[in-house]
Protein backbone atom coordinates (compact mmCIF):
# COMPACT_ATOMS: atom_id res chain seq x y z
CA MET A 1 0.17 0.25 0.07
CA SER A 2 1.46 3.17 -0.78
CA GLN A 3 2.02 6.40 1.41
CA PRO A 4 -0.79 9.37 0.98
CA LYS A 5 1.12 12.10 -0.96
CA ILE A 6 1.72 14.94 1.74
CA LYS A 7 1.78 18.10 -0.20
CA LYS A 8 4.91 20.45 0.16
CA LEU A 9 4.32 24.09 1.07
CA THR A 10 5.27 26.45 -1.38
CA GLN A 11 7.57 29.76 0.11
CA ARG A 12 4.53 31.85 -0.55
CA GLU A 13 2.41 29.63 1.53
CA MET A 14 4.79 29.16 4.42
CA VAL A 15 5.03 33.20 4.45
CA LEU A 16 1.15 33.80 4.49
CA GLN A 17 0.90 30.99 7.12
CA HIS A 18 3.68 32.90 9.13
CA LEU A 19 1.92 36.14 8.80
CA LYS A 20 -1.83 34.96 9.24
CA GLU A 21 -0.38 33.68 13.13
CA GLY A 22 -0.15 37.35 13.82
CA ARG A 23 3.64 37.07 13.57
CA VAL A 24 5.84 39.50 11.64
CA ILE A 25 8.81 38.72 9.19
CA THR A 26 11.83 40.05 8.01
CA PRO A 27 14.01 38.93 5.00
CA LEU A 28 16.56 37.45 7.42
CA GLU A 29 13.69 35.26 9.16
CA ALA A 30 12.35 34.28 6.04
CA LEU A 31 15.61 32.89 4.76
CA GLN A 32 16.38 31.27 8.11
CA LYS A 33 12.71 29.75 8.26
CA TYR A 34 11.81 29.23 4.78
CA GLY A 35 14.66 29.39 2.49
CA SER A 36 13.40 32.57 0.45
CA LEU A 37 15.71 34.71 -0.55
CA ARG A 38 13.23 37.00 -2.11
CA LEU A 39 10.44 37.77 0.24
CA GLY A 40 10.06 41.32 -1.01
CA ALA A 41 8.52 39.42 -4.07
CA ILE A 42 6.68 37.21 -2.14
CA ILE A 43 5.03 40.31 -0.06
CA HIS A 44 4.41 41.82 -3.42
CA THR A 45 2.51 38.78 -4.62
CA LEU A 46 0.69 38.81 -1.65
CA ARG A 47 -0.46 42.42 -1.76
CA ARG A 48 -1.64 41.79 -5.84
CA GLU A 49 -3.87 38.82 -4.28
CA GLY A 50 -5.68 41.34 -1.93
CA MET A 51 -3.47 40.85 1.13
CA ASN A 52 -3.15 44.03 3.62
CA ILE A 53 0.56 44.01 4.69
CA GLU A 54 2.30 46.66 6.50
CA THR A 55 5.92 47.58 6.16
CA ASN A 56 7.86 49.00 8.67
CA TYR A 57 11.75 49.74 8.27
CA ILE A 58 13.75 49.01 11.09
CA THR A 59 17.48 50.46 11.35
CA VAL A 60 20.20 48.74 13.43
CA GLU A 61 23.83 49.60 13.33
CA ARG A 62 23.04 51.74 10.21
CA LYS A 63 21.65 49.08 8.15
CA THR A 64 17.87 49.05 7.28
CA PHE A 65 15.45 46.30 6.76
CA ALA A 66 11.84 45.52 6.04
CA GLU A 67 9.81 43.94 8.83
CA TYR A 68 6.44 42.60 7.26
CA LYS A 69 2.83 42.17 9.20
CA LEU A 70 -0.30 41.49 8.00
CA ILE A 71 -3.15 43.77 8.94
CA THR A 72 -6.63 41.93 9.65
CA GLU A 73 -9.69 43.59 8.52
CA GLN A 74 -10.49 43.68 12.25
CA GLN A 75 -7.50 45.71 12.66
CA GLN A 76 -7.99 47.81 9.71
CA SER A 77 -11.43 48.75 10.91
CA PHE A 78 -10.12 49.48 14.31
CA LEU A 79 -7.64 51.86 12.70
CA GLU A 80 -10.33 53.56 10.37
CA GLY A 81 -12.36 54.05 13.47
CA GLU A 82 -9.62 56.26 15.22
CA LYS A 83 -9.03 58.06 12.14
CA ASN A 84 -12.53 59.26 12.13
CA ASP A 85 -12.81 59.64 16.22
CA GLY A 86 -9.85 61.99 15.67
């Protein structure tokens, strides 16, 4: 009897799952955890697919890198409410 085939997740799927768990991701983390050398390209694809992803730039010892976070609909509604209250 043959073993059932287990689908290997793509880098895009792994990054999306990571973000959906409420975690942020940086290029170094994407490389270490998922073998992705092109996190920016994955983020671009996810945004084209309709994901609302926020970019924060972090500078450490004169080196700047991006940190990405998925903004959920609930978070977006809260932020829009704050704008209207202010």
